[in-house]
Protein backbone atom coordinates (compact mmCIF):
# COMPACT_ATOMS: atom_id res chain seq x y z
CA MET A 1 -8.40 13.58 14.74
CA ALA A 2 -7.73 11.63 11.55
CA ALA A 3 -11.27 11.81 10.16
CA PRO A 4 -11.08 15.58 9.39
CA LEU A 5 -7.78 15.03 7.57
CA LEU A 6 -9.23 12.21 5.48
CA ASP A 7 -12.34 14.31 4.79
CA ASP A 8 -10.11 17.13 3.57
CA LEU A 9 -8.14 14.81 1.28
CA PHE A 10 -11.42 13.82 -0.34
CA ARG A 11 -12.69 17.44 -0.44
CA GLN A 12 -9.56 18.60 -2.26
CA VAL A 13 -9.84 15.89 -4.95
CA GLU A 14 -13.61 16.31 -5.28
CA ALA A 15 -13.24 20.10 -5.65
CA ARG A 16 -10.75 19.58 -8.46
CA ARG A 17 -13.09 17.07 -10.15
CA ASP A 18 -16.09 19.38 -9.73
CA GLY A 19 -14.22 22.37 -11.18
CA THR A 20 -14.33 24.43 -7.98
CA SER A 21 -10.56 24.28 -7.41
CA THR A 22 -7.54 24.81 -9.61
CA LEU A 23 -4.97 23.80 -6.98
CA GLY A 24 -2.18 21.60 -8.27
CA ALA A 25 -1.12 20.50 -4.78
CA GLU A 26 -2.25 20.76 -1.18
CA LEU A 27 0.57 20.22 1.29
CA ARG A 28 0.31 19.73 5.03
CA PHE A 29 3.01 19.00 7.57
CA THR A 30 2.49 17.22 10.87
CA HIS A 31 3.90 14.71 13.34
CA ALA A 32 3.52 10.98 13.96
CA GLU A 33 0.62 11.68 16.32
CA GLU A 34 -1.43 12.68 13.26
CA ILE A 35 0.13 10.38 10.64
CA ILE A 36 -0.45 7.16 12.61
CA PRO A 37 -4.23 7.67 13.13
CA LEU A 38 -4.64 8.74 9.48
CA ALA A 39 -2.71 5.69 8.26
CA ALA A 40 -4.87 3.46 10.48
CA LEU A 41 -8.09 5.07 9.22
CA MET A 42 -6.92 4.52 5.63
CA GLY A 43 -5.81 0.93 6.34
CA LEU A 44 -2.27 1.59 5.11
CA PRO A 45 0.40 -1.11 5.44
CA GLY A 46 1.56 -1.66 8.99
CA SER A 47 -1.56 -0.10 10.46
CA GLU A 48 -4.36 -2.27 9.11
CA LYS A 49 -4.58 -4.76 12.00
CA PRO A 50 -6.03 -3.38 15.24
CA ALA A 51 -5.18 -4.63 18.70
CA LYS A 52 -7.45 -7.38 19.93
CA PRO A 53 -10.34 -6.08 22.07
CA GLY A 54 -9.88 -6.79 25.76
CA ARG A 55 -6.19 -7.58 25.36
CA THR A 56 -3.59 -5.07 26.50
CA TYR A 57 -1.13 -4.24 23.73
CA SER A 58 2.48 -5.24 24.23
CA CYS A 59 5.47 -5.69 21.95
CA ALA A 60 5.30 -9.41 22.71
CA ASN A 61 1.71 -9.91 21.51
CA SER A 62 1.54 -7.53 18.53
CA PRO A 63 3.75 -6.95 15.48
CA TRP A 64 2.56 -3.31 15.21
CA ARG A 65 5.29 -0.71 15.56
CA GLY A 66 4.70 3.02 15.34
CA ALA A 67 8.11 3.53 13.75
CA ALA A 68 7.08 1.31 10.82
CA VAL A 69 3.95 3.40 10.18
CA ALA A 70 5.43 6.82 10.89
CA SER A 71 9.19 6.77 10.76
CA LEU A 72 11.29 9.85 11.45
CA ALA A 73 10.23 11.46 8.17
CA SER A 74 6.84 10.10 7.09
CA ASP A 75 4.33 11.12 4.50
CA ILE A 76 1.00 10.11 3.05
CA GLN A 77 0.44 11.30 -0.48
CA TRP A 78 -2.47 11.08 -2.87
CA ASP A 79 -1.58 11.41 -6.53
CA VAL A 80 -4.59 12.19 -8.69
CA PHE A 81 -4.66 11.54 -12.42
CA ARG A 82 -7.38 12.68 -14.80
CA LYS A 83 -8.34 11.12 -18.09
CA GLY A 84 -11.46 12.72 -19.53
CA ASP A 85 -14.08 12.59 -16.78
CA ASP A 86 -12.31 9.82 -14.86
CA TYR A 87 -10.15 10.55 -11.82
CA LEU A 88 -7.73 7.91 -10.58
CA VAL A 89 -6.07 8.06 -7.18
CA ARG A 90 -2.79 6.45 -6.17
CA ILE A 91 -1.73 6.43 -2.53
CA LEU A 92 1.90 6.60 -1.51
CA CYS A 93 3.02 6.01 2.05
CA ASN A 94 6.58 6.98 2.86
CA GLU A 95 7.35 7.45 -0.83
CA LYS A 96 6.15 3.94 -1.79
CA GLU A 97 2.95 2.96 -3.55
CA ALA A 98 0.53 1.51 -1.01
CA ALA A 99 -2.42 -0.79 -1.44
CA PHE A 100 -5.85 0.56 -0.66
CA LYS A 101 -7.65 -0.73 2.40
CA ALA A 102 -9.61 -3.95 2.15
CA GLY A 103 -12.84 -3.41 0.25
CA CYS A 104 -11.47 -0.77 -2.12
CA ASN A 105 -11.33 -2.23 -5.61
CA PRO A 106 -8.45 -0.98 -7.78
CA VAL A 107 -8.99 -0.35 -11.50
CA SER A 108 -7.52 -3.79 -12.24
CA LYS A 109 -6.14 -6.69 -10.25
CA GLY A 110 -2.83 -5.78 -8.66
CA SER A 111 -3.12 -2.11 -9.68
CA ARG A 112 -2.23 0.66 -7.25
CA PHE A 113 -4.80 2.98 -8.86
CA CYS A 114 -8.40 3.34 -7.73
CA ASP A 115 -11.17 5.29 -9.42
CA LEU A 116 -12.27 8.23 -7.27
CA ASP A 117 -15.91 7.07 -7.37
CA GLU A 118 -14.84 3.63 -6.08
CA LEU A 119 -12.68 5.21 -3.39
CA GLU A 120 -15.61 7.37 -2.26
CA LYS A 121 -17.80 4.25 -1.98
CA CYS A 122 -15.08 2.35 -0.13
CA PHE A 123 -14.76 5.12 2.46
CA ASP A 124 -18.57 5.63 2.69
CA ARG A 125 -18.51 9.08 1.07
CA SER A 126 -21.01 8.49 -1.74
């Protein structure tokens, strides 16, 4: 269920880059049942470590907590900045800048901005 949401995030940014959209914002509202899988797919903090295969999840053997990933009022936000032909994306999770998943290279070490082309490669979209 998260893959179509991630695909749409990319489609919205790509449409803006390609000149086929003039939207300034695309807003969606949902529940934890959608936020948690999307956060896991994006490798956002608190959701980047999966349960060990063949081992039943329990609070005793895993630090993962759904409330940490999708608290009572959660959000995942992509801010897109344009400079000339370059598009930079910053991800916020619950109103805080979030690191990109492993393998996504930010524009500079420690930066929370990633070039859209790099982000597309990182998520196997190019």
